[in-house]
Amino acid sequence: MAPGRCDLCDKVTRFGRNIRHKHSGRWERKAPRTNRQFRPNVHRKRLLIDGRWRRVNVCTRCLRTQMKQSSEILSA
């Protein structure tokens, strides 16, 4: 259970570039770029998995999907 990873969908940290849109002086044609990280929004929650309560790292997208599925079961 790594803290920067979702245990349900295996979403992990991605790497990309940040572009500063500074267009003056020497940078009229090429804006400076710096490296950055895109980290998943991971929370530590207790979820009922296979009939047992387990503490897992889950991203907010999976948590939202889990809540939607549980509300559909209750309303049916």
N, C-alpha and C. Protein backbone atom coordinates (compact mmCIF):
# COMPACT_ATOMS: atom_id res chain seq x y z
N MET A 1 0.83 -1.18 0.00
CA MET A 1 0.00 0.00 0.00
C MET A 1 0.88 1.25 0.00
N ALA A 2 1.30 1.64 -1.16
CA ALA A 2 2.11 2.85 -1.29
C ALA A 2 1.20 4.08 -1.17
N PRO A 3 1.64 5.15 -0.53
CA PRO A 3 0.77 6.30 -0.31
C PRO A 3 0.39 7.06 -1.58
N GLY A 4 1.19 7.01 -2.64
CA GLY A 4 0.89 7.75 -3.85
C GLY A 4 0.22 6.91 -4.92
N ARG A 5 -0.42 5.81 -4.52
CA ARG A 5 -1.00 4.89 -5.49
C ARG A 5 -2.39 4.46 -5.00
N CYS A 6 -3.33 4.36 -5.92
CA CYS A 6 -4.67 3.86 -5.60
C CYS A 6 -4.64 2.34 -5.64
N ASP A 7 -5.15 1.70 -4.58
CA ASP A 7 -5.13 0.24 -4.52
C ASP A 7 -6.19 -0.39 -5.41
N LEU A 8 -7.20 0.36 -5.82
CA LEU A 8 -8.27 -0.21 -6.64
C LEU A 8 -7.98 -0.11 -8.13
N CYS A 9 -7.51 1.06 -8.58
CA CYS A 9 -7.30 1.23 -10.03
C CYS A 9 -5.83 1.38 -10.41
N ASP A 10 -4.92 1.30 -9.45
CA ASP A 10 -3.47 1.43 -9.68
C ASP A 10 -3.09 2.75 -10.34
N LYS A 11 -3.80 3.82 -10.01
CA LYS A 11 -3.44 5.15 -10.50
C LYS A 11 -2.19 5.60 -9.73
N VAL A 12 -1.18 6.09 -10.44
CA VAL A 12 0.09 6.47 -9.82
C VAL A 12 0.48 7.88 -10.25
N THR A 13 1.57 8.37 -9.68
CA THR A 13 2.08 9.69 -10.03
C THR A 13 2.58 9.70 -11.47
N ARG A 14 2.19 10.72 -12.21
CA ARG A 14 2.63 10.90 -13.60
C ARG A 14 3.52 12.14 -13.66
N PHE A 15 4.39 12.18 -14.65
CA PHE A 15 5.30 13.29 -14.81
C PHE A 15 4.97 14.04 -16.09
N GLY A 16 5.16 15.35 -16.06
CA GLY A 16 4.88 16.17 -17.24
C GLY A 16 5.68 17.45 -17.19
N ARG A 17 5.24 18.43 -17.99
CA ARG A 17 5.95 19.71 -18.07
C ARG A 17 4.99 20.84 -17.70
N ASN A 18 5.54 21.86 -17.07
CA ASN A 18 4.80 23.08 -16.76
C ASN A 18 5.33 24.17 -17.68
N ILE A 19 4.45 24.84 -18.41
CA ILE A 19 4.87 25.87 -19.35
C ILE A 19 4.53 27.24 -18.78
N ARG A 20 5.56 28.06 -18.57
CA ARG A 20 5.34 29.43 -18.15
C ARG A 20 5.07 30.26 -19.39
N HIS A 21 3.93 30.89 -19.43
CA HIS A 21 3.57 31.67 -20.62
C HIS A 21 4.09 33.09 -20.46
N LYS A 22 5.41 33.19 -20.43
CA LYS A 22 6.08 34.48 -20.34
C LYS A 22 6.59 34.82 -21.73
N HIS A 23 6.02 35.81 -22.33
CA HIS A 23 6.39 36.17 -23.70
C HIS A 23 6.94 37.59 -23.72
N SER A 24 8.17 37.73 -23.28
CA SER A 24 8.80 39.04 -23.34
C SER A 24 10.30 38.83 -23.41
N GLY A 25 10.99 39.76 -23.98
CA GLY A 25 12.44 39.68 -24.04
C GLY A 25 12.91 38.53 -24.92
N ARG A 26 13.80 37.71 -24.38
CA ARG A 26 14.38 36.63 -25.16
C ARG A 26 13.40 35.47 -25.40
N TRP A 27 12.31 35.40 -24.64
CA TRP A 27 11.40 34.26 -24.72
C TRP A 27 10.22 34.52 -25.63
N GLU A 28 10.38 35.39 -26.62
CA GLU A 28 9.25 35.69 -27.50
C GLU A 28 8.79 34.47 -28.27
N ARG A 29 9.71 33.59 -28.63
CA ARG A 29 9.33 32.42 -29.44
C ARG A 29 9.19 31.14 -28.64
N LYS A 30 9.90 31.04 -27.53
CA LYS A 30 9.89 29.78 -26.78
C LYS A 30 9.68 30.07 -25.31
N ALA A 31 8.56 29.60 -24.76
CA ALA A 31 8.28 29.80 -23.34
C ALA A 31 9.08 28.77 -22.52
N PRO A 32 9.59 29.14 -21.34
CA PRO A 32 10.36 28.20 -20.53
C PRO A 32 9.47 27.09 -19.96
N ARG A 33 10.05 25.89 -19.91
CA ARG A 33 9.32 24.73 -19.41
C ARG A 33 10.06 24.14 -18.23
N THR A 34 9.31 23.71 -17.21
CA THR A 34 9.90 23.05 -16.06
C THR A 34 9.17 21.73 -15.83
N ASN A 35 9.86 20.79 -15.21
CA ASN A 35 9.24 19.50 -14.92
C ASN A 35 8.29 19.62 -13.73
N ARG A 36 7.25 18.80 -13.72
CA ARG A 36 6.31 18.78 -12.61
C ARG A 36 5.72 17.39 -12.46
N GLN A 37 4.99 17.18 -11.37
CA GLN A 37 4.36 15.89 -11.09
C GLN A 37 2.86 16.07 -11.00
N PHE A 38 2.13 15.10 -11.55
CA PHE A 38 0.68 15.04 -11.43
C PHE A 38 0.38 13.90 -10.48
N ARG A 39 -0.01 14.23 -9.24
CA ARG A 39 -0.25 13.21 -8.22
C ARG A 39 -1.73 12.92 -8.10
N PRO A 40 -2.10 11.64 -7.93
CA PRO A 40 -3.51 11.30 -7.74
C PRO A 40 -3.99 11.75 -6.37
N ASN A 41 -5.26 12.09 -6.28
CA ASN A 41 -5.86 12.52 -5.02
C ASN A 41 -6.25 11.27 -4.24
N VAL A 42 -5.33 10.77 -3.40
CA VAL A 42 -5.49 9.49 -2.72
C VAL A 42 -5.83 9.71 -1.25
N HIS A 43 -6.85 8.98 -0.76
CA HIS A 43 -7.27 9.03 0.63
C HIS A 43 -7.20 7.63 1.21
N ARG A 44 -6.99 7.55 2.53
CA ARG A 44 -6.95 6.26 3.22
C ARG A 44 -8.32 6.03 3.83
N LYS A 45 -9.03 5.00 3.35
CA LYS A 45 -10.41 4.74 3.78
C LYS A 45 -10.60 3.28 4.16
N ARG A 46 -11.60 3.04 4.98
CA ARG A 46 -12.01 1.66 5.30
C ARG A 46 -13.16 1.29 4.38
N LEU A 47 -12.97 0.24 3.57
CA LEU A 47 -14.00 -0.20 2.63
C LEU A 47 -14.32 -1.66 2.87
N LEU A 48 -15.54 -2.03 2.56
CA LEU A 48 -15.98 -3.42 2.66
C LEU A 48 -15.62 -4.12 1.35
N ILE A 49 -14.59 -4.97 1.39
CA ILE A 49 -14.12 -5.67 0.20
C ILE A 49 -14.20 -7.17 0.47
N ASP A 50 -14.96 -7.88 -0.37
CA ASP A 50 -15.16 -9.33 -0.24
C ASP A 50 -15.67 -9.71 1.15
N GLY A 51 -16.58 -8.90 1.70
CA GLY A 51 -17.19 -9.22 2.99
C GLY A 51 -16.33 -8.87 4.19
N ARG A 52 -15.17 -8.27 3.99
CA ARG A 52 -14.29 -7.90 5.10
C ARG A 52 -13.96 -6.42 5.01
N TRP A 53 -13.87 -5.77 6.17
CA TRP A 53 -13.47 -4.37 6.21
C TRP A 53 -11.96 -4.28 6.08
N ARG A 54 -11.51 -3.53 5.08
CA ARG A 54 -10.07 -3.36 4.86
C ARG A 54 -9.76 -1.88 4.73
N ARG A 55 -8.59 -1.48 5.23
CA ARG A 55 -8.13 -0.10 5.11
C ARG A 55 -7.27 -0.01 3.85
N VAL A 56 -7.71 0.80 2.88
CA VAL A 56 -7.03 0.88 1.59
C VAL A 56 -6.79 2.33 1.21
N ASN A 57 -5.80 2.54 0.35
CA ASN A 57 -5.58 3.85 -0.27
C ASN A 57 -6.42 3.88 -1.53
N VAL A 58 -7.34 4.84 -1.61
CA VAL A 58 -8.26 4.89 -2.74
C VAL A 58 -8.32 6.32 -3.27
N CYS A 59 -8.28 6.46 -4.60
CA CYS A 59 -8.38 7.79 -5.20
C CYS A 59 -9.84 8.26 -5.14
N THR A 60 -10.03 9.55 -5.26
CA THR A 60 -11.37 10.11 -5.11
C THR A 60 -12.29 9.68 -6.25
N ARG A 61 -11.75 9.38 -7.42
CA ARG A 61 -12.57 8.91 -8.53
C ARG A 61 -13.16 7.53 -8.20
N CYS A 62 -12.34 6.64 -7.66
CA CYS A 62 -12.83 5.30 -7.28
C CYS A 62 -13.80 5.40 -6.11
N LEU A 63 -13.52 6.31 -5.17
CA LEU A 63 -14.40 6.49 -4.02
C LEU A 63 -15.77 6.98 -4.47
N ARG A 64 -15.79 7.89 -5.42
CA ARG A 64 -17.04 8.41 -5.96
C ARG A 64 -17.82 7.31 -6.68
N THR A 65 -17.12 6.51 -7.46
CA THR A 65 -17.77 5.40 -8.16
C THR A 65 -18.33 4.39 -7.16
N GLN A 66 -17.56 4.12 -6.10
CA GLN A 66 -18.00 3.18 -5.05
C GLN A 66 -19.27 3.68 -4.38
N MET A 67 -19.33 4.99 -4.09
CA MET A 67 -20.51 5.56 -3.45
C MET A 67 -21.73 5.49 -4.37
N LYS A 68 -21.51 5.71 -5.67
CA LYS A 68 -22.62 5.62 -6.62
C LYS A 68 -23.16 4.20 -6.70
N GLN A 69 -22.27 3.21 -6.73
CA GLN A 69 -22.70 1.82 -6.81
C GLN A 69 -23.45 1.40 -5.56
N SER A 70 -23.00 1.84 -4.39
CA SER A 70 -23.67 1.46 -3.15
C SER A 70 -25.04 2.13 -3.05
N SER A 71 -25.18 3.38 -3.54
CA SER A 71 -26.47 4.04 -3.49
C SER A 71 -27.46 3.42 -4.48
N GLU A 72 -26.96 2.90 -5.62
CA GLU A 72 -27.85 2.21 -6.57
C GLU A 72 -28.38 0.92 -5.98
N ILE A 73 -27.55 0.21 -5.23
CA ILE A 73 -27.98 -1.04 -4.59
C ILE A 73 -29.05 -0.76 -3.54
N LEU A 74 -28.86 0.32 -2.75
CA LEU A 74 -29.82 0.66 -1.70
C LEU A 74 -31.14 1.13 -2.28
N SER A 75 -31.12 1.85 -3.40
CA SER A 75 -32.35 2.40 -3.98
C SER A 75 -33.13 1.34 -4.77
N ALA A 76 -32.48 0.27 -5.18
CA ALA A 76 -33.18 -0.77 -5.97
C ALA A 76 -33.97 -1.71 -5.11
